[in-house]
Amino acid sequence: MASRGTIGRVIVLLILIVLLGTGGLLWFDYLGIVESRQAFAPVYRLLGMTPPSGISTLPTENGDLDADRIAKRLEAIDLRSQELDLREQDLTKKEGEITQKAQELDDRLASVEEKEKTFAETQRQAGDRAKNIEQIADYINGMPPKNAVENLLAMDDQDIIDILRAVEAKAAAAGNASSVAYWFSLMPAARAAEIQRKMANKPAFLP
């Protein structure tokens, strides 16, 4: 008899556990926490209830921690994006400034190179002119005085001055008398005076 009473209590407890478990599942399914509506659809219809159409979490009226975390992360991402945009604008501005400075340096370098080329060309031309002047001075100095003066008068005043100075320098180096004074005497007085005035006012030609 005692064993039968024990078996009966066990059966009753098992039935109670099944009922409580089934009731709990029905309640969680109704709240949408778990999805068991397919298994309990006949029970819903028997009770005249409509099973929920989907699964939901706990109500969020009092605050959803996951939603708060997501919102904070989105806010942090938005702030980070704004910070990156500002940095990108700053980098773009600095890049523009660097590009402008680099262009200015390139322009200055090009200007310096152009000046160096111009100076080198001037030096070359000056050297070529000095050689030409010395050669002409030799030719003029070897001509009869009248012919020499005629050739000189056909030139520009500066060329005449450079040639006369070259002739004087060559005569001084050789220890001879220069013909320049005699050539001046054969020139028209006004032209000779103008050339002598320029020779006195301008530095000597440096070969």
N, C-alpha and C. Protein backbone atom coordinates (compact mmCIF):
# COMPACT_ATOMS: atom_id res chain seq x y z
N MET A 1 0.83 -1.21 0.00
CA MET A 1 0.00 0.00 0.00
C MET A 1 0.86 1.24 0.00
N ALA A 2 1.97 1.22 0.74
CA ALA A 2 2.84 2.39 0.82
C ALA A 2 3.47 2.68 -0.51
N SER A 3 3.84 1.57 -1.23
CA SER A 3 4.47 1.78 -2.52
C SER A 3 3.50 2.36 -3.52
N ARG A 4 2.22 1.93 -3.42
CA ARG A 4 1.23 2.51 -4.33
C ARG A 4 1.02 3.99 -4.07
N GLY A 5 1.06 4.40 -2.81
CA GLY A 5 0.90 5.83 -2.48
C GLY A 5 2.07 6.65 -3.00
N THR A 6 3.24 6.06 -2.91
CA THR A 6 4.43 6.77 -3.40
C THR A 6 4.37 6.94 -4.91
N ILE A 7 3.95 5.86 -5.61
CA ILE A 7 3.85 5.94 -7.07
C ILE A 7 2.80 6.95 -7.47
N GLY A 8 1.74 7.03 -6.73
CA GLY A 8 0.68 7.98 -7.06
C GLY A 8 1.15 9.41 -6.90
N ARG A 9 1.90 9.64 -5.80
CA ARG A 9 2.42 11.00 -5.60
C ARG A 9 3.41 11.39 -6.71
N VAL A 10 4.23 10.45 -7.13
CA VAL A 10 5.19 10.72 -8.21
C VAL A 10 4.46 11.06 -9.49
N ILE A 11 3.37 10.29 -9.77
CA ILE A 11 2.60 10.55 -11.00
C ILE A 11 1.97 11.92 -10.93
N VAL A 12 1.42 12.24 -9.76
CA VAL A 12 0.78 13.56 -9.59
C VAL A 12 1.83 14.67 -9.79
N LEU A 13 3.00 14.47 -9.21
CA LEU A 13 4.07 15.49 -9.37
C LEU A 13 4.50 15.63 -10.82
N LEU A 14 4.59 14.49 -11.51
CA LEU A 14 4.98 14.56 -12.92
C LEU A 14 3.93 15.30 -13.73
N ILE A 15 2.65 15.01 -13.44
CA ILE A 15 1.56 15.71 -14.15
C ILE A 15 1.62 17.20 -13.85
N LEU A 16 1.89 17.54 -12.58
CA LEU A 16 1.97 18.95 -12.18
C LEU A 16 3.13 19.65 -12.89
N ILE A 17 4.26 18.93 -12.97
CA ILE A 17 5.42 19.52 -13.65
C ILE A 17 5.11 19.75 -15.13
N VAL A 18 4.46 18.77 -15.74
CA VAL A 18 4.11 18.92 -17.16
C VAL A 18 3.17 20.09 -17.36
N LEU A 19 2.15 20.21 -16.46
CA LEU A 19 1.19 21.30 -16.57
C LEU A 19 1.88 22.66 -16.38
N LEU A 20 2.76 22.73 -15.37
CA LEU A 20 3.46 24.00 -15.13
C LEU A 20 4.38 24.34 -16.31
N GLY A 21 5.10 23.34 -16.81
CA GLY A 21 5.99 23.59 -17.95
C GLY A 21 5.21 24.02 -19.18
N THR A 22 4.07 23.31 -19.40
CA THR A 22 3.24 23.68 -20.56
C THR A 22 2.67 25.08 -20.39
N GLY A 23 2.23 25.40 -19.19
CA GLY A 23 1.69 26.73 -18.94
C GLY A 23 2.75 27.81 -19.11
N GLY A 24 3.95 27.50 -18.62
CA GLY A 24 5.04 28.46 -18.78
C GLY A 24 5.38 28.71 -20.24
N LEU A 25 5.44 27.63 -21.00
CA LEU A 25 5.72 27.79 -22.43
C LEU A 25 4.63 28.58 -23.11
N LEU A 26 3.35 28.29 -22.74
CA LEU A 26 2.24 29.05 -23.33
C LEU A 26 2.36 30.53 -23.00
N TRP A 27 2.70 30.81 -21.76
CA TRP A 27 2.83 32.21 -21.34
C TRP A 27 4.00 32.91 -22.05
N PHE A 28 5.16 32.27 -22.13
CA PHE A 28 6.31 32.86 -22.84
C PHE A 28 6.03 33.01 -24.33
N ASP A 29 5.28 32.01 -24.86
CA ASP A 29 4.93 32.12 -26.28
C ASP A 29 3.98 33.29 -26.51
N TYR A 30 3.06 33.48 -25.59
CA TYR A 30 2.12 34.59 -25.71
C TYR A 30 2.85 35.94 -25.62
N LEU A 31 3.84 36.00 -24.73
CA LEU A 31 4.62 37.23 -24.60
C LEU A 31 5.55 37.44 -25.78
N GLY A 32 5.78 36.38 -26.57
CA GLY A 32 6.67 36.50 -27.72
C GLY A 32 8.12 36.27 -27.37
N ILE A 33 8.40 35.76 -26.18
CA ILE A 33 9.78 35.54 -25.79
C ILE A 33 10.36 34.34 -26.51
N VAL A 34 9.54 33.27 -26.63
CA VAL A 34 9.93 32.08 -27.37
C VAL A 34 8.89 31.81 -28.43
N GLU A 35 9.28 31.03 -29.42
CA GLU A 35 8.35 30.71 -30.50
C GLU A 35 7.90 29.25 -30.37
N SER A 36 6.67 29.08 -29.88
CA SER A 36 6.10 27.73 -29.76
C SER A 36 4.67 27.71 -30.25
N ARG A 37 4.31 28.78 -31.01
CA ARG A 37 2.92 28.89 -31.42
C ARG A 37 2.48 27.76 -32.35
N GLN A 38 3.44 27.21 -33.16
CA GLN A 38 3.05 26.13 -34.04
C GLN A 38 2.64 24.89 -33.25
N ALA A 39 3.37 24.58 -32.16
CA ALA A 39 3.05 23.41 -31.35
C ALA A 39 1.78 23.63 -30.53
N PHE A 40 1.58 24.91 -30.10
CA PHE A 40 0.44 25.19 -29.23
C PHE A 40 -0.70 25.89 -29.96
N ALA A 41 -0.63 25.90 -31.29
CA ALA A 41 -1.71 26.55 -32.04
C ALA A 41 -3.08 25.95 -31.72
N PRO A 42 -3.20 24.62 -31.62
CA PRO A 42 -4.53 24.06 -31.25
C PRO A 42 -5.00 24.55 -29.89
N VAL A 43 -4.06 24.69 -28.94
CA VAL A 43 -4.44 25.16 -27.60
C VAL A 43 -4.93 26.59 -27.67
N TYR A 44 -4.22 27.45 -28.45
CA TYR A 44 -4.67 28.84 -28.63
C TYR A 44 -6.08 28.88 -29.20
N ARG A 45 -6.31 28.06 -30.21
CA ARG A 45 -7.65 28.05 -30.83
C ARG A 45 -8.70 27.54 -29.86
N LEU A 46 -8.33 26.55 -29.05
CA LEU A 46 -9.26 26.02 -28.07
C LEU A 46 -9.64 27.07 -27.04
N LEU A 47 -8.65 27.91 -26.67
CA LEU A 47 -8.90 28.98 -25.69
C LEU A 47 -9.46 30.25 -26.33
N GLY A 48 -9.59 30.24 -27.68
CA GLY A 48 -10.11 31.42 -28.35
C GLY A 48 -9.13 32.56 -28.41
N MET A 49 -7.81 32.28 -28.42
CA MET A 49 -6.76 33.28 -28.43
C MET A 49 -6.02 33.22 -29.77
N THR A 50 -5.48 34.35 -30.17
CA THR A 50 -4.71 34.44 -31.41
C THR A 50 -3.23 34.39 -31.06
N PRO A 51 -2.49 33.42 -31.59
CA PRO A 51 -1.05 33.36 -31.28
C PRO A 51 -0.33 34.58 -31.83
N PRO A 52 0.71 35.05 -31.15
CA PRO A 52 1.48 36.22 -31.65
C PRO A 52 2.09 35.93 -32.99
N SER A 53 2.23 36.99 -33.81
CA SER A 53 2.72 36.84 -35.18
C SER A 53 4.23 36.79 -35.28
N GLY A 54 4.97 37.04 -34.23
CA GLY A 54 6.43 37.03 -34.30
C GLY A 54 7.05 36.95 -32.93
N ILE A 55 8.37 36.94 -32.93
CA ILE A 55 9.09 36.86 -31.66
C ILE A 55 9.53 38.26 -31.27
N SER A 56 9.43 38.60 -30.03
CA SER A 56 9.89 39.89 -29.53
C SER A 56 10.66 39.67 -28.25
N THR A 57 11.46 40.63 -27.90
CA THR A 57 12.17 40.58 -26.62
C THR A 57 11.31 41.22 -25.56
N LEU A 58 11.87 41.42 -24.40
CA LEU A 58 11.13 42.09 -23.34
C LEU A 58 10.78 43.50 -23.75
N PRO A 59 9.72 44.07 -23.26
CA PRO A 59 9.32 45.43 -23.65
C PRO A 59 10.45 46.40 -23.39
N THR A 60 10.54 47.38 -24.29
CA THR A 60 11.64 48.35 -24.21
C THR A 60 11.21 49.70 -23.66
N GLU A 61 9.95 49.79 -23.14
CA GLU A 61 9.50 51.08 -22.63
C GLU A 61 10.40 51.57 -21.50
N ASN A 62 10.88 50.65 -20.68
CA ASN A 62 11.70 51.03 -19.53
C ASN A 62 13.19 51.02 -19.86
N GLY A 63 13.52 50.86 -21.13
CA GLY A 63 14.92 50.90 -21.54
C GLY A 63 15.45 49.53 -21.91
N ASP A 64 15.99 49.44 -23.10
CA ASP A 64 16.59 48.21 -23.58
C ASP A 64 18.11 48.40 -23.54
N LEU A 65 18.79 47.59 -22.75
CA LEU A 65 20.23 47.75 -22.58
C LEU A 65 20.96 47.57 -23.91
N ASP A 66 20.53 46.58 -24.67
CA ASP A 66 21.17 46.36 -25.97
C ASP A 66 20.96 47.55 -26.90
N ALA A 67 19.71 48.06 -26.90
CA ALA A 67 19.42 49.22 -27.74
C ALA A 67 20.24 50.42 -27.30
N ASP A 68 20.41 50.59 -25.98
CA ASP A 68 21.23 51.71 -25.48
C ASP A 68 22.68 51.56 -25.91
N ARG A 69 23.17 50.32 -25.82
CA ARG A 69 24.55 50.09 -26.24
C ARG A 69 24.73 50.39 -27.72
N ILE A 70 23.77 49.91 -28.52
CA ILE A 70 23.84 50.15 -29.97
C ILE A 70 23.77 51.65 -30.26
N ALA A 71 22.86 52.35 -29.55
CA ALA A 71 22.72 53.79 -29.77
C ALA A 71 24.00 54.53 -29.41
N LYS A 72 24.63 54.11 -28.29
CA LYS A 72 25.88 54.75 -27.89
C LYS A 72 26.99 54.45 -28.88
N ARG A 73 27.01 53.22 -29.38
CA ARG A 73 28.03 52.89 -30.38
C ARG A 73 27.84 53.69 -31.66
N LEU A 74 26.57 53.81 -32.08
CA LEU A 74 26.29 54.61 -33.27
C LEU A 74 26.67 56.07 -33.06
N GLU A 75 26.40 56.58 -31.86
CA GLU A 75 26.79 57.95 -31.56
C GLU A 75 28.30 58.11 -31.58
N ALA A 76 29.01 57.11 -31.00
CA ALA A 76 30.47 57.17 -31.01
C ALA A 76 31.01 57.09 -32.43
N ILE A 77 30.39 56.23 -33.25
CA ILE A 77 30.81 56.12 -34.64
C ILE A 77 30.58 57.43 -35.38
N ASP A 78 29.43 58.08 -35.10
CA ASP A 78 29.13 59.35 -35.74
C ASP A 78 30.13 60.41 -35.34
N LEU A 79 30.48 60.46 -34.04
CA LEU A 79 31.47 61.43 -33.58
C LEU A 79 32.84 61.15 -34.20
N ARG A 80 33.18 59.86 -34.30
CA ARG A 80 34.46 59.48 -34.91
C ARG A 80 34.49 59.88 -36.38
N SER A 81 33.33 59.69 -37.05
CA SER A 81 33.25 60.06 -38.46
C SER A 81 33.42 61.57 -38.64
N GLN A 82 32.80 62.35 -37.74
CA GLN A 82 32.94 63.81 -37.80
C GLN A 82 34.40 64.21 -37.55
N GLU A 83 35.03 63.53 -36.58
CA GLU A 83 36.43 63.84 -36.29
C GLU A 83 37.32 63.52 -37.48
N LEU A 84 37.04 62.39 -38.14
CA LEU A 84 37.82 62.02 -39.32
C LEU A 84 37.60 63.00 -40.46
N ASP A 85 36.35 63.48 -40.59
CA ASP A 85 36.06 64.48 -41.63
C ASP A 85 36.85 65.76 -41.38
N LEU A 86 36.90 66.19 -40.10
CA LEU A 86 37.66 67.39 -39.77
C LEU A 86 39.15 67.20 -40.04
N ARG A 87 39.65 66.01 -39.69
CA ARG A 87 41.06 65.73 -39.96
C ARG A 87 41.34 65.70 -41.45
N GLU A 88 40.40 65.13 -42.20
CA GLU A 88 40.58 65.08 -43.65
C GLU A 88 40.60 66.49 -44.24
N GLN A 89 39.70 67.36 -43.74
CA GLN A 89 39.69 68.75 -44.21
C GLN A 89 41.01 69.44 -43.86
N ASP A 90 41.50 69.19 -42.63
CA ASP A 90 42.76 69.80 -42.20
C ASP A 90 43.92 69.30 -43.06
N LEU A 91 43.93 67.99 -43.33
CA LEU A 91 44.99 67.42 -44.16
C LEU A 91 44.91 67.96 -45.58
N THR A 92 43.68 68.12 -46.09
CA THR A 92 43.51 68.67 -47.44
C THR A 92 44.04 70.10 -47.50
N LYS A 93 43.73 70.88 -46.44
CA LYS A 93 44.21 72.26 -46.39
C LYS A 93 45.74 72.30 -46.33
N LYS A 94 46.32 71.46 -45.46
CA LYS A 94 47.78 71.43 -45.35
C LYS A 94 48.42 70.95 -46.64
N GLU A 95 47.77 69.98 -47.29
CA GLU A 95 48.31 69.49 -48.56
C GLU A 95 48.31 70.60 -49.61
N GLY A 96 47.23 71.41 -49.60
CA GLY A 96 47.19 72.54 -50.52
C GLY A 96 48.29 73.54 -50.24
N GLU A 97 48.53 73.80 -48.93
CA GLU A 97 49.60 74.74 -48.57
C GLU A 97 50.97 74.20 -48.99
N ILE A 98 51.17 72.90 -48.75
CA ILE A 98 52.45 72.29 -49.13
C ILE A 98 52.64 72.33 -50.64
N THR A 99 51.56 72.06 -51.37
CA THR A 99 51.63 72.11 -52.84
C THR A 99 51.95 73.51 -53.31
N GLN A 100 51.34 74.52 -52.68
CA GLN A 100 51.60 75.90 -53.06
C GLN A 100 53.06 76.28 -52.78
N LYS A 101 53.57 75.87 -51.59
CA LYS A 101 54.96 76.17 -51.25
C LYS A 101 55.92 75.46 -52.20
N ALA A 102 55.58 74.21 -52.53
CA ALA A 102 56.42 73.46 -53.47
C ALA A 102 56.45 74.14 -54.83
N GLN A 103 55.29 74.67 -55.25
CA GLN A 103 55.24 75.37 -56.53
C GLN A 103 56.07 76.65 -56.48
N GLU A 104 55.98 77.36 -55.34
CA GLU A 104 56.79 78.57 -55.18
C GLU A 104 58.28 78.24 -55.23
N LEU A 105 58.67 77.14 -54.56
CA LEU A 105 60.08 76.73 -54.59
C LEU A 105 60.51 76.35 -56.00
N ASP A 106 59.63 75.66 -56.72
CA ASP A 106 59.94 75.30 -58.11
C ASP A 106 60.12 76.55 -58.97
N ASP A 107 59.23 77.54 -58.74
CA ASP A 107 59.33 78.79 -59.51
C ASP A 107 60.64 79.51 -59.19
N ARG A 108 60.99 79.54 -57.89
CA ARG A 108 62.25 80.20 -57.51
C ARG A 108 63.44 79.47 -58.09
N LEU A 109 63.39 78.15 -58.03
CA LEU A 109 64.49 77.36 -58.59
C LEU A 109 64.62 77.59 -60.09
N ALA A 110 63.48 77.64 -60.76
CA ALA A 110 63.51 77.90 -62.20
C ALA A 110 64.08 79.29 -62.49
N SER A 111 63.70 80.27 -61.63
CA SER A 111 64.21 81.62 -61.81
C SER A 111 65.72 81.67 -61.60
N VAL A 112 66.20 80.96 -60.54
CA VAL A 112 67.65 80.93 -60.28
C VAL A 112 68.38 80.26 -61.43
N GLU A 113 67.84 79.16 -61.92
CA GLU A 113 68.47 78.45 -63.04
C GLU A 113 68.51 79.33 -64.28
N GLU A 114 67.42 80.08 -64.50
CA GLU A 114 67.38 80.97 -65.66
C GLU A 114 68.42 82.08 -65.52
N LYS A 115 68.56 82.62 -64.30
CA LYS A 115 69.58 83.65 -64.07
C LYS A 115 70.98 83.10 -64.27
N GLU A 116 71.19 81.85 -63.80
CA GLU A 116 72.50 81.24 -63.98
C GLU A 116 72.80 81.04 -65.46
N LYS A 117 71.80 80.62 -66.22
CA LYS A 117 71.99 80.45 -67.66
C LYS A 117 72.29 81.79 -68.33
N THR A 118 71.52 82.82 -67.90
CA THR A 118 71.73 84.15 -68.47
C THR A 118 73.13 84.67 -68.14
N PHE A 119 73.56 84.46 -66.88
CA PHE A 119 74.90 84.90 -66.48
C PHE A 119 75.98 84.15 -67.26
N ALA A 120 75.78 82.82 -67.39
CA ALA A 120 76.76 82.03 -68.14
C ALA A 120 76.82 82.47 -69.60
N GLU A 121 75.64 82.77 -70.17
CA GLU A 121 75.62 83.23 -71.55
C GLU A 121 76.28 84.60 -71.68
N THR A 122 76.03 85.46 -70.69
CA THR A 122 76.68 86.78 -70.70
C THR A 122 78.19 86.64 -70.61
N GLN A 123 78.63 85.72 -69.72
CA GLN A 123 80.07 85.48 -69.59
C GLN A 123 80.65 84.97 -70.91
N ARG A 124 79.93 84.06 -71.54
CA ARG A 124 80.41 83.51 -72.80
C ARG A 124 80.50 84.59 -73.87
N GLN A 125 79.42 85.39 -73.94
CA GLN A 125 79.41 86.47 -74.93
C GLN A 125 80.52 87.48 -74.65
N ALA A 126 80.72 87.78 -73.35
CA ALA A 126 81.78 88.73 -72.99
C ALA A 126 83.14 88.17 -73.41
N GLY A 127 83.34 86.87 -73.17
CA GLY A 127 84.60 86.26 -73.58
C GLY A 127 84.77 86.28 -75.09
N ASP A 128 83.68 85.96 -75.81
CA ASP A 128 83.75 86.01 -77.27
C ASP A 128 84.02 87.42 -77.76
N ARG A 129 83.37 88.40 -77.12
CA ARG A 129 83.56 89.80 -77.53
C ARG A 129 84.99 90.24 -77.28
N ALA A 130 85.52 89.83 -76.12
CA ALA A 130 86.91 90.22 -75.80
C ALA A 130 87.88 89.68 -76.85
N LYS A 131 87.66 88.42 -77.25
CA LYS A 131 88.53 87.85 -78.28
C LYS A 131 88.38 88.58 -79.61
N ASN A 132 87.12 88.91 -79.95
CA ASN A 132 86.88 89.62 -81.21
C ASN A 132 87.51 91.01 -81.18
N ILE A 133 87.39 91.69 -80.04
CA ILE A 133 87.95 93.03 -79.91
C ILE A 133 89.48 92.98 -80.08
N GLU A 134 90.11 92.00 -79.43
CA GLU A 134 91.56 91.87 -79.56
C GLU A 134 91.99 91.59 -81.00
N GLN A 135 91.20 90.76 -81.68
CA GLN A 135 91.53 90.44 -83.07
C GLN A 135 91.36 91.66 -83.96
N ILE A 136 90.27 92.41 -83.75
CA ILE A 136 90.04 93.62 -84.54
C ILE A 136 91.13 94.66 -84.25
N ALA A 137 91.51 94.73 -82.97
CA ALA A 137 92.57 95.70 -82.61
C ALA A 137 93.86 95.38 -83.36
N ASP A 138 94.16 94.10 -83.49
CA ASP A 138 95.36 93.72 -84.26
C ASP A 138 95.21 94.13 -85.73
N TYR A 139 94.01 93.89 -86.31
CA TYR A 139 93.79 94.27 -87.71
C TYR A 139 93.92 95.78 -87.89
N ILE A 140 93.26 96.56 -87.02
CA ILE A 140 93.26 98.02 -87.13
C ILE A 140 94.69 98.57 -86.95
N ASN A 141 95.38 97.98 -85.99
CA ASN A 141 96.72 98.46 -85.70
C ASN A 141 97.69 98.19 -86.86
N GLY A 142 97.36 97.22 -87.69
CA GLY A 142 98.23 96.90 -88.82
C GLY A 142 97.88 97.65 -90.09
N MET A 143 96.81 98.45 -90.05
CA MET A 143 96.41 99.22 -91.22
C MET A 143 97.11 100.58 -91.26
N PRO A 144 97.15 101.18 -92.42
CA PRO A 144 97.59 102.58 -92.49
C PRO A 144 96.64 103.44 -91.64
N PRO A 145 97.18 104.50 -91.03
CA PRO A 145 96.36 105.30 -90.11
C PRO A 145 95.04 105.78 -90.73
N LYS A 146 95.04 106.22 -91.99
CA LYS A 146 93.82 106.72 -92.60
C LYS A 146 92.79 105.63 -92.73
N ASN A 147 93.19 104.46 -93.19
CA ASN A 147 92.27 103.34 -93.31
C ASN A 147 91.76 102.86 -91.95
N ALA A 148 92.65 102.90 -90.99
CA ALA A 148 92.25 102.48 -89.65
C ALA A 148 91.16 103.40 -89.10
N VAL A 149 91.34 104.71 -89.31
CA VAL A 149 90.34 105.68 -88.81
C VAL A 149 89.03 105.50 -89.54
N GLU A 150 89.07 105.27 -90.85
CA GLU A 150 87.83 105.09 -91.61
C GLU A 150 87.06 103.87 -91.10
N ASN A 151 87.76 102.81 -90.82
CA ASN A 151 87.09 101.61 -90.28
C ASN A 151 86.53 101.86 -88.88
N LEU A 152 87.29 102.60 -88.08
CA LEU A 152 86.81 102.88 -86.72
C LEU A 152 85.56 103.75 -86.75
N LEU A 153 85.52 104.76 -87.60
CA LEU A 153 84.39 105.68 -87.65
C LEU A 153 83.11 104.99 -88.12
N ALA A 154 83.23 103.84 -88.78
CA ALA A 154 82.06 103.09 -89.22
C ALA A 154 81.43 102.27 -88.10
N MET A 155 82.11 102.22 -86.95
CA MET A 155 81.62 101.41 -85.83
C MET A 155 80.88 102.27 -84.81
N ASP A 156 80.23 101.58 -83.85
CA ASP A 156 79.60 102.28 -82.73
C ASP A 156 80.68 102.83 -81.81
N ASP A 157 80.30 103.87 -81.04
CA ASP A 157 81.27 104.50 -80.14
C ASP A 157 81.84 103.51 -79.13
N GLN A 158 80.99 102.64 -78.57
CA GLN A 158 81.48 101.70 -77.57
C GLN A 158 82.48 100.71 -78.18
N ASP A 159 82.21 100.26 -79.39
CA ASP A 159 83.15 99.36 -80.06
C ASP A 159 84.48 100.07 -80.32
N ILE A 160 84.41 101.35 -80.74
CA ILE A 160 85.64 102.12 -80.98
C ILE A 160 86.44 102.25 -79.70
N ILE A 161 85.72 102.54 -78.58
CA ILE A 161 86.40 102.71 -77.30
C ILE A 161 87.10 101.43 -76.88
N ASP A 162 86.39 100.28 -77.03
CA ASP A 162 86.99 99.00 -76.63
C ASP A 162 88.21 98.66 -77.50
N ILE A 163 88.12 98.94 -78.78
CA ILE A 163 89.24 98.65 -79.68
C ILE A 163 90.43 99.54 -79.36
N LEU A 164 90.18 100.84 -79.14
CA LEU A 164 91.27 101.76 -78.83
C LEU A 164 91.96 101.36 -77.53
N ARG A 165 91.20 100.96 -76.54
CA ARG A 165 91.81 100.54 -75.28
C ARG A 165 92.62 99.26 -75.46
N ALA A 166 92.10 98.35 -76.29
CA ALA A 166 92.86 97.12 -76.56
C ALA A 166 94.18 97.43 -77.27
N VAL A 167 94.14 98.42 -78.20
CA VAL A 167 95.35 98.81 -78.91
C VAL A 167 96.35 99.41 -77.94
N GLU A 168 95.86 100.27 -77.03
CA GLU A 168 96.75 100.88 -76.05
C GLU A 168 97.35 99.84 -75.12
N ALA A 169 96.53 98.85 -74.70
CA ALA A 169 97.04 97.82 -73.80
C ALA A 169 98.11 96.99 -74.49
N LYS A 170 97.89 96.64 -75.76
CA LYS A 170 98.88 95.84 -76.49
C LYS A 170 100.18 96.62 -76.68
N ALA A 171 100.05 97.94 -76.97
CA ALA A 171 101.26 98.77 -77.16
C ALA A 171 102.04 98.89 -75.86
N ALA A 172 101.31 99.06 -74.74
CA ALA A 172 101.98 99.17 -73.45
C ALA A 172 102.68 97.86 -73.08
N ALA A 173 102.02 96.72 -73.38
CA ALA A 173 102.63 95.43 -73.07
C ALA A 173 103.88 95.18 -73.90
N ALA A 174 103.88 95.72 -75.14
CA ALA A 174 105.05 95.52 -76.01
C ALA A 174 106.09 96.61 -75.82
N GLY A 175 105.78 97.64 -75.04
CA GLY A 175 106.70 98.75 -74.81
C GLY A 175 106.79 99.69 -76.00
N ASN A 176 105.74 99.76 -76.81
CA ASN A 176 105.71 100.61 -77.99
C ASN A 176 104.77 101.78 -77.76
N ALA A 177 104.90 102.79 -78.62
CA ALA A 177 104.02 103.95 -78.56
C ALA A 177 102.69 103.58 -79.22
N SER A 178 101.58 104.06 -78.66
CA SER A 178 100.25 103.77 -79.19
C SER A 178 99.90 104.73 -80.33
N SER A 179 99.15 104.24 -81.31
CA SER A 179 98.71 105.07 -82.44
C SER A 179 97.40 105.76 -82.15
N VAL A 180 96.81 105.55 -80.96
CA VAL A 180 95.48 106.06 -80.66
C VAL A 180 95.44 107.58 -80.75
N ALA A 181 96.44 108.26 -80.21
CA ALA A 181 96.43 109.74 -80.24
C ALA A 181 96.45 110.25 -81.68
N TYR A 182 97.23 109.60 -82.53
CA TYR A 182 97.29 110.04 -83.93
C TYR A 182 95.97 109.77 -84.63
N TRP A 183 95.32 108.64 -84.31
CA TRP A 183 94.02 108.34 -84.93
C TRP A 183 92.98 109.38 -84.53
N PHE A 184 93.03 109.84 -83.29
CA PHE A 184 92.09 110.88 -82.86
C PHE A 184 92.27 112.16 -83.69
N SER A 185 93.52 112.45 -84.03
CA SER A 185 93.79 113.68 -84.80
C SER A 185 93.23 113.58 -86.22
N LEU A 186 93.03 112.36 -86.71
CA LEU A 186 92.49 112.18 -88.06
C LEU A 186 90.96 112.12 -88.07
N MET A 187 90.36 112.02 -86.91
CA MET A 187 88.89 111.94 -86.82
C MET A 187 88.29 113.33 -86.83
N PRO A 188 87.00 113.44 -87.23
CA PRO A 188 86.31 114.72 -87.06
C PRO A 188 86.36 115.14 -85.60
N ALA A 189 86.55 116.43 -85.38
CA ALA A 189 86.77 116.92 -84.01
C ALA A 189 85.61 116.57 -83.08
N ALA A 190 84.36 116.73 -83.56
CA ALA A 190 83.19 116.46 -82.71
C ALA A 190 83.12 114.98 -82.33
N ARG A 191 83.37 114.11 -83.31
CA ARG A 191 83.31 112.67 -83.03
C ARG A 191 84.45 112.25 -82.11
N ALA A 192 85.62 112.79 -82.33
CA ALA A 192 86.76 112.47 -81.47
C ALA A 192 86.52 112.93 -80.04
N ALA A 193 85.93 114.13 -79.88
CA ALA A 193 85.65 114.64 -78.54
C ALA A 193 84.61 113.78 -77.82
N GLU A 194 83.58 113.35 -78.57
CA GLU A 194 82.54 112.51 -77.96
C GLU A 194 83.11 111.17 -77.50
N ILE A 195 83.98 110.58 -78.31
CA ILE A 195 84.57 109.30 -77.94
C ILE A 195 85.48 109.45 -76.74
N GLN A 196 86.27 110.54 -76.70
CA GLN A 196 87.15 110.77 -75.57
C GLN A 196 86.35 111.02 -74.29
N ARG A 197 85.21 111.71 -74.43
CA ARG A 197 84.36 111.97 -73.25
C ARG A 197 83.82 110.65 -72.68
N LYS A 198 83.39 109.77 -73.56
CA LYS A 198 82.86 108.49 -73.10
C LYS A 198 83.97 107.63 -72.49
N MET A 199 85.15 107.69 -73.06
CA MET A 199 86.26 106.93 -72.51
C MET A 199 86.61 107.40 -71.11
N ALA A 200 86.46 108.69 -70.86
CA ALA A 200 86.79 109.24 -69.55
C ALA A 200 85.70 108.91 -68.51
N ASN A 201 84.46 108.80 -68.97
CA ASN A 201 83.34 108.59 -68.04
C ASN A 201 83.06 107.11 -67.77
N LYS A 202 83.46 106.23 -68.67
CA LYS A 202 83.14 104.80 -68.52
C LYS A 202 84.38 104.02 -68.15
N PRO A 203 84.20 102.93 -67.36
CA PRO A 203 85.37 102.12 -66.98
C PRO A 203 86.00 101.46 -68.19
N ALA A 204 87.23 101.13 -68.05
CA ALA A 204 87.96 100.52 -69.15
C ALA A 204 87.40 99.15 -69.47
N PHE A 205 87.47 98.77 -70.71
CA PHE A 205 87.02 97.43 -71.15
C PHE A 205 87.99 96.39 -70.61
N LEU A 206 87.43 95.37 -70.02
CA LEU A 206 88.25 94.31 -69.47
C LEU A 206 88.18 93.10 -70.35
N PRO A 207 89.24 92.75 -71.04
CA PRO A 207 89.20 91.62 -71.95
C PRO A 207 89.05 90.30 -71.18
